[in-house]
């Protein structure tokens, strides 16, 4: 199956707006595009080129009253404004995050999703894990849930999501999840689909539920199936060998790369998970060790040094050890990098 390569970029702006009252935010805009070969000024230069284009696009929004720029400066309205002016081929999505708890995503067809992020403190244990597995002991997490809702019209707002979530928060926060009916085996996967069932009646345009069990792993349910992910970071040196001599990226430099592995598989019936997060870490460790604290451009197949080349290398080697691997997201700086994989390439959870 062929792989899809998507370039991502991020830019921020500080602005005021009036929705109900006058207030301000440090907004974060991100875009993702399937850029054609030759669009960037040099091979491997897609990420910095898209980053520059996005920064230029959002610059008129910085330090202004947004109501003077567009009629409806909601998160979705801003994302559409940016998409209309970005002028890059293959644009897949435009998103705006107004706080670390909320934002909106507009897809290539102009359809919008709103998302809102919630946190709850809960205990749980997994009753069916093998003897000695740490998750079989009663423990707890500061769970986070991100609720994604299609905004088919302007009547749906983040407040709508808040109203639907409020009774669930009372049931989840400072509780033991195992005590809730239907959550006797509260894996991240089963928690995400349990939340979907609980929310669907009050949020008929519900598009997805994401559960962060920890800051680095979790599960997403879209009404039909589950995807899990595991995050890694590694610190490595690189250079872009096709960059012109006057480009700083032609010199030896380094990044703390942020990597997210997405895996999709049917749930193991008794276990209630697609893949054990611990197994993902163990199986992926040899691939991780091959790139962590290394000069990447000296590794066979990574001579080009850009995130698209590195993401493809990680996907190929990771797939050998984790056949459930569907996609990798690789960022060299926050929000800027490459998403590469098979299947649906929508980004089902935020923030950036």
C-alpha atoms as a PDB file:
ATOM      1  CA  UNK A   1       0.000   0.000   0.000  1.00  0.00           C
ATOM      2  CA  UNK A   2       1.353   3.421  -0.952  1.00  0.00           C
ATOM      3  CA  UNK A   3       2.344   5.930   1.705  1.00  0.00           C
ATOM      4  CA  UNK A   4       1.011   9.472   1.920  1.00  0.00           C
ATOM      5  CA  UNK A   5       3.454  12.204   2.939  1.00  0.00           C
ATOM      6  CA  UNK A   6       2.068  15.367   4.529  1.00  0.00           C
ATOM      7  CA  UNK A   7       4.111  18.408   5.539  1.00  0.00           C
ATOM      8  CA  UNK A   8       3.043  20.344   8.642  1.00  0.00           C
ATOM      9  CA  UNK A   9       3.890  23.818   9.909  1.00  0.00           C
ATOM     10  CA  UNK A  10       2.973  26.041  12.839  1.00  0.00           C
ATOM     11  CA  UNK A  11       2.890  29.782  13.501  1.00  0.00           C
ATOM     12  CA  UNK A  12       1.551  31.886  16.361  1.00  0.00           C
ATOM     13  CA  UNK A  13      -0.096  35.277  16.683  1.00  0.00           C
ATOM     14  CA  UNK A  14      -1.314  37.432  19.582  1.00  0.00           C
ATOM     15  CA  UNK A  15      -4.682  39.074  19.059  1.00  0.00           C
ATOM     16  CA  UNK A  16      -7.877  40.317  20.639  1.00  0.00           C
ATOM     17  CA  UNK A  17     -11.377  39.368  19.567  1.00  0.00           C
ATOM     18  CA  UNK A  18     -14.942  39.935  20.583  1.00  0.00           C
ATOM     19  CA  UNK A  19     -17.253  36.928  20.596  1.00  0.00           C
ATOM     20  CA  UNK A  20     -19.428  37.633  23.607  1.00  0.00           C
ATOM     21  CA  UNK A  21     -16.926  39.929  25.348  1.00  0.00           C
ATOM     22  CA  UNK A  22     -13.661  41.522  24.344  1.00  0.00           C
ATOM     23  CA  UNK A  23     -10.693  39.309  25.236  1.00  0.00           C
ATOM     24  CA  UNK A  24      -7.396  38.091  23.816  1.00  0.00           C
ATOM     25  CA  UNK A  25      -5.376  34.927  23.140  1.00  0.00           C
ATOM     26  CA  UNK A  26      -2.016  33.649  22.063  1.00  0.00           C
ATOM     27  CA  UNK A  27      -3.338  31.757  19.030  1.00  0.00           C
ATOM     28  CA  UNK A  28      -1.556  28.816  17.423  1.00  0.00           C
ATOM     29  CA  UNK A  29      -2.195  28.077  13.753  1.00  0.00           C
ATOM     30  CA  UNK A  30      -1.147  24.814  12.121  1.00  0.00           C
ATOM     31  CA  UNK A  31      -1.529  23.632   8.543  1.00  0.00           C
ATOM     32  CA  UNK A  32      -0.902  20.346   6.777  1.00  0.00           C
ATOM     33  CA  UNK A  33      -0.383  19.897   3.041  1.00  0.00           C
ATOM     34  CA  UNK A  34       0.437  17.076   0.643  1.00  0.00           C
ATOM     35  CA  UNK A  35       2.916  19.187  -1.279  1.00  0.00           C
ATOM     36  CA  UNK A  36       3.920  18.153  -4.805  1.00  0.00           C
ATOM     37  CA  UNK A  37       7.525  17.367  -5.662  1.00  0.00           C
ATOM     38  CA  UNK A  38       9.409  20.510  -6.598  1.00  0.00           C
ATOM     39  CA  UNK A  39       7.218  22.921  -4.629  1.00  0.00           C
ATOM     40  CA  UNK A  40       9.946  23.728  -2.099  1.00  0.00           C
ATOM     41  CA  UNK A  41      13.015  25.673  -3.236  1.00  0.00           C
ATOM     42  CA  UNK A  42      15.218  22.603  -2.711  1.00  0.00           C
ATOM     43  CA  UNK A  43      14.767  18.900  -2.007  1.00  0.00           C
ATOM     44  CA  UNK A  44      14.134  18.436   1.689  1.00  0.00           C
ATOM     45  CA  UNK A  45      13.141  22.063   2.178  1.00  0.00           C
ATOM     46  CA  UNK A  46       9.371  21.604   2.387  1.00  0.00           C
ATOM     47  CA  UNK A  47       9.059  22.136   6.144  1.00  0.00           C
ATOM     48  CA  UNK A  48      10.858  25.513   6.363  1.00  0.00           C
ATOM     49  CA  UNK A  49       9.170  26.698   3.151  1.00  0.00           C
ATOM     50  CA  UNK A  50       5.680  25.902   4.461  1.00  0.00           C
ATOM     51  CA  UNK A  51       6.567  27.416   7.829  1.00  0.00           C
ATOM     52  CA  UNK A  52       7.584  30.690   6.142  1.00  0.00           C
ATOM     53  CA  UNK A  53       4.404  30.741   4.029  1.00  0.00           C
ATOM     54  CA  UNK A  54       2.218  30.219   7.090  1.00  0.00           C
ATOM     55  CA  UNK A  55       4.033  32.892   9.122  1.00  0.00           C
ATOM     56  CA  UNK A  56       3.521  35.376   6.271  1.00  0.00           C
ATOM     57  CA  UNK A  57      -0.167  34.419   6.045  1.00  0.00           C
ATOM     58  CA  UNK A  58      -0.954  34.949   9.740  1.00  0.00           C
ATOM     59  CA  UNK A  59       1.175  38.095  10.136  1.00  0.00           C
ATOM     60  CA  UNK A  60      -1.792  40.431   9.399  1.00  0.00           C
ATOM     61  CA  UNK A  61      -3.640  38.799  12.319  1.00  0.00           C
ATOM     62  CA  UNK A  62      -0.957  39.647  14.859  1.00  0.00           C
ATOM     63  CA  UNK A  63      -1.600  42.430  17.392  1.00  0.00           C
ATOM     64  CA  UNK A  64      -4.993  43.427  15.957  1.00  0.00           C
ATOM     65  CA  UNK A  65      -8.666  43.242  16.866  1.00  0.00           C
ATOM     66  CA  UNK A  66      -9.717  40.237  14.819  1.00  0.00           C
ATOM     67  CA  UNK A  67     -13.271  41.526  14.360  1.00  0.00           C
ATOM     68  CA  UNK A  68     -11.764  44.185  12.105  1.00  0.00           C
ATOM     69  CA  UNK A  69     -10.326  41.433   9.869  1.00  0.00           C
ATOM     70  CA  UNK A  70     -13.224  38.982   9.603  1.00  0.00           C
ATOM     71  CA  UNK A  71     -16.899  38.943  10.467  1.00  0.00           C
ATOM     72  CA  UNK A  72     -16.799  35.881  12.729  1.00  0.00           C
ATOM     73  CA  UNK A  73     -13.388  35.493  14.420  1.00  0.00           C
ATOM     74  CA  UNK A  74     -14.173  32.135  16.034  1.00  0.00           C
ATOM     75  CA  UNK A  75     -11.522  29.416  15.957  1.00  0.00           C
ATOM     76  CA  UNK A  76     -13.204  27.847  12.921  1.00  0.00           C
ATOM     77  CA  UNK A  77     -13.583  31.224  11.229  1.00  0.00           C
ATOM     78  CA  UNK A  78      -9.888  31.941  11.690  1.00  0.00           C
ATOM     79  CA  UNK A  79      -8.925  28.504  10.363  1.00  0.00           C
ATOM     80  CA  UNK A  80     -11.010  29.128   7.224  1.00  0.00           C
ATOM     81  CA  UNK A  81      -9.500  32.613   6.797  1.00  0.00           C
ATOM     82  CA  UNK A  82      -5.989  31.138   6.922  1.00  0.00           C
ATOM     83  CA  UNK A  83      -6.850  28.293   4.530  1.00  0.00           C
ATOM     84  CA  UNK A  84      -8.284  30.727   1.975  1.00  0.00           C
ATOM     85  CA  UNK A  85      -5.135  32.875   1.975  1.00  0.00           C
ATOM     86  CA  UNK A  86      -2.355  30.326   2.414  1.00  0.00           C
ATOM     87  CA  UNK A  87      -2.217  29.499  -1.308  1.00  0.00           C
ATOM     88  CA  UNK A  88      -0.348  26.204  -1.172  1.00  0.00           C
ATOM     89  CA  UNK A  89      -1.191  23.100  -3.219  1.00  0.00           C
ATOM     90  CA  UNK A  90      -2.534  19.976  -1.559  1.00  0.00           C
ATOM     91  CA  UNK A  91      -3.800  21.658   1.609  1.00  0.00           C
ATOM     92  CA  UNK A  92      -5.315  18.964   3.841  1.00  0.00           C
ATOM     93  CA  UNK A  93      -6.314  20.955   6.903  1.00  0.00           C
ATOM     94  CA  UNK A  94      -6.007  24.285   8.659  1.00  0.00           C
ATOM     95  CA  UNK A  95      -6.418  24.532  12.399  1.00  0.00           C
ATOM     96  CA  UNK A  96      -6.451  27.217  15.049  1.00  0.00           C
ATOM     97  CA  UNK A  97      -5.944  26.615  18.737  1.00  0.00           C
ATOM     98  CA  UNK A  98      -6.980  29.540  20.920  1.00  0.00           C
ATOM     99  CA  UNK A  99      -6.051  27.929  24.264  1.00  0.00           C
ATOM    100  CA  UNK A 100      -4.479  24.654  25.308  1.00  0.00           C
ATOM    101  CA  UNK A 101      -8.043  23.420  25.901  1.00  0.00           C
ATOM    102  CA  UNK A 102      -9.817  24.240  22.653  1.00  0.00           C
ATOM    103  CA  UNK A 103      -9.560  24.798  18.934  1.00  0.00           C
ATOM    104  CA  UNK A 104     -11.011  24.062  15.517  1.00  0.00           C
ATOM    105  CA  UNK A 105      -9.895  22.144  12.442  1.00  0.00           C
ATOM    106  CA  UNK A 106     -11.069  22.825   8.882  1.00  0.00           C
ATOM    107  CA  UNK A 107     -10.507  20.076   6.315  1.00  0.00           C
ATOM    108  CA  UNK A 108      -9.798  20.290   2.594  1.00  0.00           C
ATOM    109  CA  UNK A 109     -13.536  20.413   1.801  1.00  0.00           C
ATOM    110  CA  UNK A 110     -14.171  23.249   4.244  1.00  0.00           C
ATOM    111  CA  UNK A 111     -15.839  21.089   6.887  1.00  0.00           C
ATOM    112  CA  UNK A 112     -15.080  22.152  10.454  1.00  0.00           C
ATOM    113  CA  UNK A 113     -14.595  20.246  13.679  1.00  0.00           C
ATOM    114  CA  UNK A 114     -14.447  21.837  17.107  1.00  0.00           C
ATOM    115  CA  UNK A 115     -12.500  20.163  19.882  1.00  0.00           C
ATOM    116  CA  UNK A 116     -12.389  20.670  23.608  1.00  0.00           C
ATOM    117  CA  UNK A 117      -9.987  19.127  26.100  1.00  0.00           C
ATOM    118  CA  UNK A 118     -10.893  17.971  29.627  1.00  0.00           C
ATOM    119  CA  UNK A 119      -8.944  16.514  32.537  1.00  0.00           C
ATOM    120  CA  UNK A 120     -10.121  14.131  35.245  1.00  0.00           C
ATOM    121  CA  UNK A 121      -8.359  12.353  38.083  1.00  0.00           C
ATOM    122  CA  UNK A 122      -9.281   8.677  38.313  1.00  0.00           C
ATOM    123  CA  UNK A 123      -8.082   5.326  39.617  1.00  0.00           C
ATOM    124  CA  UNK A 124      -8.216   2.082  37.639  1.00  0.00           C
ATOM    125  CA  UNK A 125      -6.737  -1.350  37.216  1.00  0.00           C
ATOM    126  CA  UNK A 126      -6.800  -3.766  34.295  1.00  0.00           C
ATOM    127  CA  UNK A 127      -8.187  -7.064  35.582  1.00  0.00           C
ATOM    128  CA  UNK A 128      -7.175  -9.342  32.711  1.00  0.00           C
ATOM    129  CA  UNK A 129      -3.465  -8.578  32.319  1.00  0.00           C
ATOM    130  CA  UNK A 130      -0.948 -11.374  33.019  1.00  0.00           C
ATOM    131  CA  UNK A 131       0.228 -11.866  36.619  1.00  0.00           C
ATOM    132  CA  UNK A 132       2.902  -9.348  37.532  1.00  0.00           C
ATOM    133  CA  UNK A 133       1.877  -6.776  34.888  1.00  0.00           C
ATOM    134  CA  UNK A 134       2.012  -3.365  36.583  1.00  0.00           C
ATOM    135  CA  UNK A 135      -1.378  -2.326  35.196  1.00  0.00           C
ATOM    136  CA  UNK A 136      -2.993  -5.155  37.116  1.00  0.00           C
ATOM    137  CA  UNK A 137      -2.319  -3.220  40.322  1.00  0.00           C
ATOM    138  CA  UNK A 138      -4.732  -0.500  41.357  1.00  0.00           C
ATOM    139  CA  UNK A 139      -3.215   2.808  40.270  1.00  0.00           C
ATOM    140  CA  UNK A 140      -4.377   6.077  38.741  1.00  0.00           C
ATOM    141  CA  UNK A 141      -3.820   8.763  36.142  1.00  0.00           C
ATOM    142  CA  UNK A 142      -4.553  12.362  35.407  1.00  0.00           C
ATOM    143  CA  UNK A 143      -6.573  11.357  32.343  1.00  0.00           C
ATOM    144  CA  UNK A 144      -7.340  13.786  29.549  1.00  0.00           C
ATOM    145  CA  UNK A 145     -10.161  13.489  27.046  1.00  0.00           C
ATOM    146  CA  UNK A 146     -10.456  15.462  23.828  1.00  0.00           C
ATOM    147  CA  UNK A 147     -13.966  15.601  22.380  1.00  0.00           C
ATOM    148  CA  UNK A 148     -14.239  16.290  18.635  1.00  0.00           C
ATOM    149  CA  UNK A 149     -17.539  17.454  17.152  1.00  0.00           C
ATOM    150  CA  UNK A 150     -18.467  18.335  13.582  1.00  0.00           C
ATOM    151  CA  UNK A 151     -19.649  21.922  13.424  1.00  0.00           C
ATOM    152  CA  UNK A 152     -22.269  21.591  10.700  1.00  0.00           C
ATOM    153  CA  UNK A 153     -23.567  25.080  11.440  1.00  0.00           C
ATOM    154  CA  UNK A 154     -22.734  28.062  13.641  1.00  0.00           C
ATOM    155  CA  UNK A 155     -25.091  26.971  16.434  1.00  0.00           C
ATOM    156  CA  UNK A 156     -22.581  24.462  17.796  1.00  0.00           C
ATOM    157  CA  UNK A 157     -19.932  26.057  19.999  1.00  0.00           C
ATOM    158  CA  UNK A 158     -17.388  24.953  22.550  1.00  0.00           C
ATOM    159  CA  UNK A 159     -19.987  25.731  25.208  1.00  0.00           C
ATOM    160  CA  UNK A 160     -22.180  23.014  23.667  1.00  0.00           C
ATOM    161  CA  UNK A 161     -19.411  20.498  24.266  1.00  0.00           C
ATOM    162  CA  UNK A 162     -18.955  21.778  27.834  1.00  0.00           C
ATOM    163  CA  UNK A 163     -22.628  21.229  28.582  1.00  0.00           C
ATOM    164  CA  UNK A 164     -22.463  17.645  27.303  1.00  0.00           C
ATOM    165  CA  UNK A 165     -19.285  16.881  29.239  1.00  0.00           C
ATOM    166  CA  UNK A 166     -20.299  18.334  32.614  1.00  0.00           C
ATOM    167  CA  UNK A 167     -22.366  15.357  33.897  1.00  0.00           C
ATOM    168  CA  UNK A 168     -19.680  12.923  32.744  1.00  0.00           C
ATOM    169  CA  UNK A 169     -17.017  14.841  34.625  1.00  0.00           C
ATOM    170  CA  UNK A 170     -18.988  14.376  37.833  1.00  0.00           C
ATOM    171  CA  UNK A 171     -19.045  10.626  37.257  1.00  0.00           C
ATOM    172  CA  UNK A 172     -15.352  10.310  36.354  1.00  0.00           C
ATOM    173  CA  UNK A 173     -13.415  12.795  38.425  1.00  0.00           C
ATOM    174  CA  UNK A 174     -11.995  11.434  41.708  1.00  0.00           C
ATOM    175  CA  UNK A 175     -13.563   8.058  41.048  1.00  0.00           C
ATOM    176  CA  UNK A 176     -12.429   4.497  40.372  1.00  0.00           C
ATOM    177  CA  UNK A 177     -13.255   3.731  36.739  1.00  0.00           C
ATOM    178  CA  UNK A 178     -13.702   0.008  37.402  1.00  0.00           C
ATOM    179  CA  UNK A 179     -16.777   0.858  39.488  1.00  0.00           C
ATOM    180  CA  UNK A 180     -18.611   2.370  36.510  1.00  0.00           C
ATOM    181  CA  UNK A 181     -20.952   0.101  34.579  1.00  0.00           C
ATOM    182  CA  UNK A 182     -19.371  -0.781  31.259  1.00  0.00           C
ATOM    183  CA  UNK A 183     -15.855   0.106  32.456  1.00  0.00           C
ATOM    184  CA  UNK A 184     -15.043  -3.009  34.425  1.00  0.00           C
ATOM    185  CA  UNK A 185     -11.934  -3.288  32.188  1.00  0.00           C
ATOM    186  CA  UNK A 186     -11.025   0.396  31.713  1.00  0.00           C
ATOM    187  CA  UNK A 187      -8.316   0.331  29.052  1.00  0.00           C
ATOM    188  CA  UNK A 188      -7.756   3.541  27.098  1.00  0.00           C
ATOM    189  CA  UNK A 189      -9.479   1.974  24.103  1.00  0.00           C
ATOM    190  CA  UNK A 190     -12.582   0.903  26.026  1.00  0.00           C
ATOM    191  CA  UNK A 191     -12.711   4.210  27.899  1.00  0.00           C
ATOM    192  CA  UNK A 192     -12.709   6.136  24.607  1.00  0.00           C
ATOM    193  CA  UNK A 193     -15.589   4.081  23.165  1.00  0.00           C
ATOM    194  CA  UNK A 194     -17.473   4.236  26.510  1.00  0.00           C
ATOM    195  CA  UNK A 195     -17.258   8.028  26.388  1.00  0.00           C
ATOM    196  CA  UNK A 196     -18.485   7.961  22.776  1.00  0.00           C
ATOM    197  CA  UNK A 197     -21.596   6.023  23.794  1.00  0.00           C
ATOM    198  CA  UNK A 198     -22.263   8.335  26.724  1.00  0.00           C
ATOM    199  CA  UNK A 199     -21.898  11.521  24.643  1.00  0.00           C
ATOM    200  CA  UNK A 200     -23.542  10.542  21.386  1.00  0.00           C
ATOM    201  CA  UNK A 201     -27.096  11.333  22.453  1.00  0.00           C
ATOM    202  CA  UNK A 202     -26.279  14.907  23.485  1.00  0.00           C
ATOM    203  CA  UNK A 203     -23.701  15.490  20.738  1.00  0.00           C
ATOM    204  CA  UNK A 204     -25.253  13.990  17.569  1.00  0.00           C
ATOM    205  CA  UNK A 205     -22.402  15.289  15.386  1.00  0.00           C
ATOM    206  CA  UNK A 206     -19.751  13.682  17.583  1.00  0.00           C
ATOM    207  CA  UNK A 207     -16.721  12.891  15.391  1.00  0.00           C
ATOM    208  CA  UNK A 208     -14.273  11.300  17.807  1.00  0.00           C
ATOM    209  CA  UNK A 209     -13.119  10.817  21.369  1.00  0.00           C
ATOM    210  CA  UNK A 210      -9.451  10.829  22.308  1.00  0.00           C
ATOM    211  CA  UNK A 211      -8.211   9.606  25.678  1.00  0.00           C
ATOM    212  CA  UNK A 212      -4.760  10.471  26.967  1.00  0.00           C
ATOM    213  CA  UNK A 213      -3.887   7.886  29.610  1.00  0.00           C
ATOM    214  CA  UNK A 214      -0.555   9.637  30.090  1.00  0.00           C
ATOM    215  CA  UNK A 215       1.075  12.525  28.260  1.00  0.00           C
ATOM    216  CA  UNK A 216       2.735  10.047  25.883  1.00  0.00           C
ATOM    217  CA  UNK A 217       0.119   7.412  25.050  1.00  0.00           C
ATOM    218  CA  UNK A 218      -3.578   6.957  24.527  1.00  0.00           C
ATOM    219  CA  UNK A 219      -6.390   5.895  22.229  1.00  0.00           C
ATOM    220  CA  UNK A 220      -8.846   7.447  19.776  1.00  0.00           C
ATOM    221  CA  UNK A 221     -12.300   6.108  18.872  1.00  0.00           C
ATOM    222  CA  UNK A 222     -14.202   7.417  15.852  1.00  0.00           C
ATOM    223  CA  UNK A 223     -17.403   5.417  16.192  1.00  0.00           C
ATOM    224  CA  UNK A 224     -16.160   2.492  14.104  1.00  0.00           C
ATOM    225  CA  UNK A 225     -12.700   1.573  15.358  1.00  0.00           C
ATOM    226  CA  UNK A 226      -9.759   2.400  17.578  1.00  0.00           C
ATOM    227  CA  UNK A 227      -6.337   3.851  16.945  1.00  0.00           C
ATOM    228  CA  UNK A 228      -3.694   3.971  19.655  1.00  0.00           C
ATOM    229  CA  UNK A 229      -0.502   5.986  19.772  1.00  0.00           C
ATOM    230  CA  UNK A 230       2.754   6.132  21.648  1.00  0.00           C
ATOM    231  CA  UNK A 231       5.033   9.190  21.788  1.00  0.00           C
ATOM    232  CA  UNK A 232       8.822   9.303  21.867  1.00  0.00           C
ATOM    233  CA  UNK A 233      11.396  12.077  21.759  1.00  0.00           C
ATOM    234  CA  UNK A 234      14.990  11.770  20.646  1.00  0.00           C
ATOM    235  CA  UNK A 235      17.909  14.173  20.399  1.00  0.00           C
ATOM    236  CA  UNK A 236      19.955  13.966  17.231  1.00  0.00           C
ATOM    237  CA  UNK A 237      22.105  15.939  14.813  1.00  0.00           C
ATOM    238  CA  UNK A 238      21.462  16.416  11.124  1.00  0.00           C
ATOM    239  CA  UNK A 239      21.991  18.604   8.081  1.00  0.00           C
ATOM    240  CA  UNK A 240      20.116  19.139   4.813  1.00  0.00           C
ATOM    241  CA  UNK A 241      22.565  18.251   2.078  1.00  0.00           C
ATOM    242  CA  UNK A 242      20.451  19.849  -0.702  1.00  0.00           C
ATOM    243  CA  UNK A 243      20.105  23.206   1.088  1.00  0.00           C
ATOM    244  CA  UNK A 244      22.050  26.104  -0.455  1.00  0.00           C
ATOM    245  CA  UNK A 245      25.257  27.080   1.279  1.00  0.00           C
ATOM    246  CA  UNK A 246      23.750  30.272   2.725  1.00  0.00           C
ATOM    247  CA  UNK A 247      20.906  28.329   4.413  1.00  0.00           C
ATOM    248  CA  UNK A 248      21.641  27.525   8.064  1.00  0.00           C
ATOM    249  CA  UNK A 249      20.113  24.069   7.589  1.00  0.00           C
ATOM    250  CA  UNK A 250      23.035  23.147   5.342  1.00  0.00           C
ATOM    251  CA  UNK A 251      25.220  23.281   8.437  1.00  0.00           C
ATOM    252  CA  UNK A 252      25.377  20.617  11.106  1.00  0.00           C
ATOM    253  CA  UNK A 253      22.604  21.323  13.605  1.00  0.00           C
ATOM    254  CA  UNK A 254      20.283  19.394  15.912  1.00  0.00           C
ATOM    255  CA  UNK A 255      16.737  18.915  17.148  1.00  0.00           C
ATOM    256  CA  UNK A 256      14.769  17.320  19.921  1.00  0.00           C
ATOM    257  CA  UNK A 257      12.524  15.371  17.570  1.00  0.00           C
ATOM    258  CA  UNK A 258       8.992  14.524  18.674  1.00  0.00           C
ATOM    259  CA  UNK A 259       7.717  11.234  17.273  1.00  0.00           C
ATOM    260  CA  UNK A 260       4.243   9.737  17.494  1.00  0.00           C
ATOM    261  CA  UNK A 261       3.558   6.175  16.368  1.00  0.00           C
ATOM    262  CA  UNK A 262      -0.057   5.439  15.379  1.00  0.00           C
ATOM    263  CA  UNK A 263      -1.195   1.827  15.446  1.00  0.00           C
ATOM    264  CA  UNK A 264      -4.520   0.380  14.356  1.00  0.00           C
ATOM    265  CA  UNK A 265      -5.659  -3.148  15.143  1.00  0.00           C
ATOM    266  CA  UNK A 266      -8.810  -4.944  16.295  1.00  0.00           C
ATOM    267  CA  UNK A 267      -9.187  -5.157  20.034  1.00  0.00           C
ATOM    268  CA  UNK A 268      -7.978  -8.327  21.707  1.00  0.00           C
ATOM    269  CA  UNK A 269     -11.344  -9.382  23.212  1.00  0.00           C
ATOM    270  CA  UNK A 270     -10.318 -10.360  26.739  1.00  0.00           C
ATOM    271  CA  UNK A 271      -7.584  -7.748  27.131  1.00  0.00           C
ATOM    272  CA  UNK A 272      -9.660  -4.862  25.744  1.00  0.00           C
ATOM    273  CA  UNK A 273      -6.698  -3.283  23.994  1.00  0.00           C
ATOM    274  CA  UNK A 274      -5.321  -3.193  20.473  1.00  0.00           C
ATOM    275  CA  UNK A 275      -1.670  -3.412  21.528  1.00  0.00           C
ATOM    276  CA  UNK A 276      -0.123  -3.167  24.986  1.00  0.00           C
ATOM    277  CA  UNK A 277       1.618   0.239  25.277  1.00  0.00           C
ATOM    278  CA  UNK A 278       4.493  -1.508  27.057  1.00  0.00           C
ATOM    279  CA  UNK A 279       4.927  -3.898  24.142  1.00  0.00           C
ATOM    280  CA  UNK A 280       5.011  -0.974  21.709  1.00  0.00           C
ATOM    281  CA  UNK A 281       7.865   0.609  23.653  1.00  0.00           C
ATOM    282  CA  UNK A 282       9.794  -2.665  23.954  1.00  0.00           C
ATOM    283  CA  UNK A 283       9.440  -3.627  20.305  1.00  0.00           C
ATOM    284  CA  UNK A 284      10.261  -0.148  19.022  1.00  0.00           C
ATOM    285  CA  UNK A 285      13.324   0.365  21.251  1.00  0.00           C
ATOM    286  CA  UNK A 286      15.898  -0.944  18.703  1.00  0.00           C
ATOM    287  CA  UNK A 287      14.607   1.519  16.085  1.00  0.00           C
ATOM    288  CA  UNK A 288      14.613   4.326  18.659  1.00  0.00           C
ATOM    289  CA  UNK A 289      18.181   3.524  19.716  1.00  0.00           C
ATOM    290  CA  UNK A 290      19.313   3.626  16.101  1.00  0.00           C
ATOM    291  CA  UNK A 291      18.382   7.325  15.776  1.00  0.00           C
ATOM    292  CA  UNK A 292      18.687   8.704  19.318  1.00  0.00           C
ATOM    293  CA  UNK A 293      21.838  10.765  20.029  1.00  0.00           C
ATOM    294  CA  UNK A 294      23.174  10.124  16.518  1.00  0.00           C
ATOM    295  CA  UNK A 295      24.355  12.153  13.525  1.00  0.00           C
ATOM    296  CA  UNK A 296      21.383  11.146  11.370  1.00  0.00           C
ATOM    297  CA  UNK A 297      22.946  12.135   8.044  1.00  0.00           C
ATOM    298  CA  UNK A 298      25.627   9.459   8.564  1.00  0.00           C
ATOM    299  CA  UNK A 299      23.048   6.639   8.754  1.00  0.00           C
ATOM    300  CA  UNK A 300      22.436   4.732   5.519  1.00  0.00           C
ATOM    301  CA  UNK A 301      19.203   5.971   3.979  1.00  0.00           C
ATOM    302  CA  UNK A 302      19.132   9.188   6.016  1.00  0.00           C
ATOM    303  CA  UNK A 303      21.720  11.197   4.134  1.00  0.00           C
ATOM    304  CA  UNK A 304      19.148  13.839   3.097  1.00  0.00           C
ATOM    305  CA  UNK A 305      18.449  14.735   6.751  1.00  0.00           C
ATOM    306  CA  UNK A 306      14.889  16.115   6.307  1.00  0.00           C
ATOM    307  CA  UNK A 307      11.873  14.938   8.308  1.00  0.00           C
ATOM    308  CA  UNK A 308      10.188  13.294   5.302  1.00  0.00           C
ATOM    309  CA  UNK A 309      13.213  11.060   4.731  1.00  0.00           C
ATOM    310  CA  UNK A 310      13.528  10.320   8.447  1.00  0.00           C
ATOM    311  CA  UNK A 311       9.797   9.596   8.852  1.00  0.00           C
ATOM    312  CA  UNK A 312       9.913   7.139   5.932  1.00  0.00           C
ATOM    313  CA  UNK A 313      12.949   5.401   7.455  1.00  0.00           C
ATOM    314  CA  UNK A 314      11.259   5.125  10.861  1.00  0.00           C
ATOM    315  CA  UNK A 315       8.032   3.866   9.308  1.00  0.00           C
ATOM    316  CA  UNK A 316       9.827   1.167   7.300  1.00  0.00           C
ATOM    317  CA  UNK A 317      11.913  -0.079  10.218  1.00  0.00           C
ATOM    318  CA  UNK A 318       9.109   0.304  12.741  1.00  0.00           C
ATOM    319  CA  UNK A 319       6.682  -1.654  10.545  1.00  0.00           C
ATOM    320  CA  UNK A 320       9.061  -4.616  10.589  1.00  0.00           C
ATOM    321  CA  UNK A 321       8.706  -4.826  14.368  1.00  0.00           C
ATOM    322  CA  UNK A 322       5.173  -3.455  14.758  1.00  0.00           C
ATOM    323  CA  UNK A 323       2.979  -4.678  11.879  1.00  0.00           C
ATOM    324  CA  UNK A 324       0.051  -2.693  13.335  1.00  0.00           C
ATOM    325  CA  UNK A 325       1.920   0.568  12.614  1.00  0.00           C
ATOM    326  CA  UNK A 326      -0.225   2.745  10.364  1.00  0.00           C
ATOM    327  CA  UNK A 327       1.373   6.150  10.530  1.00  0.00           C
ATOM    328  CA  UNK A 328       4.170   8.215  12.054  1.00  0.00           C
ATOM    329  CA  UNK A 329       4.150  11.912  12.912  1.00  0.00           C
ATOM    330  CA  UNK A 330       7.620  13.433  13.202  1.00  0.00           C
ATOM    331  CA  UNK A 331       8.201  17.041  14.269  1.00  0.00           C
ATOM    332  CA  UNK A 332      11.614  18.683  14.359  1.00  0.00           C
ATOM    333  CA  UNK A 333      10.133  21.668  16.218  1.00  0.00           C
ATOM    334  CA  UNK A 334       6.646  22.123  17.627  1.00  0.00           C
ATOM    335  CA  UNK A 335       4.080  21.418  14.923  1.00  0.00           C
ATOM    336  CA  UNK A 336       6.638  21.474  12.081  1.00  0.00           C
ATOM    337  CA  UNK A 337       7.539  18.250  10.329  1.00  0.00           C
ATOM    338  CA  UNK A 338       6.078  15.303   8.443  1.00  0.00           C
ATOM    339  CA  UNK A 339       3.148  12.924   8.819  1.00  0.00           C
ATOM    340  CA  UNK A 340       3.574   9.721   6.842  1.00  0.00           C
ATOM    341  CA  UNK A 341       1.474   6.604   6.641  1.00  0.00           C
ATOM    342  CA  UNK A 342      -1.293   4.556   5.105  1.00  0.00           C
ATOM    343  CA  UNK A 343      -5.023   4.708   5.664  1.00  0.00           C
ATOM    344  CA  UNK A 344      -6.805   7.791   6.939  1.00  0.00           C
ATOM    345  CA  UNK A 345      -4.380  10.653   7.423  1.00  0.00           C
ATOM    346  CA  UNK A 346      -6.700  12.974   9.329  1.00  0.00           C
ATOM    347  CA  UNK A 347      -5.252  14.269  12.577  1.00  0.00           C
ATOM    348  CA  UNK A 348      -7.739  13.055  15.160  1.00  0.00           C
ATOM    349  CA  UNK A 349      -6.393  14.819  18.226  1.00  0.00           C
ATOM    350  CA  UNK A 350      -4.932  18.113  19.252  1.00  0.00           C
ATOM    351  CA  UNK A 351      -3.384  20.276  20.653  1.00  0.00           C
ATOM    352  CA  UNK A 352      -0.232  20.753  18.631  1.00  0.00           C
END
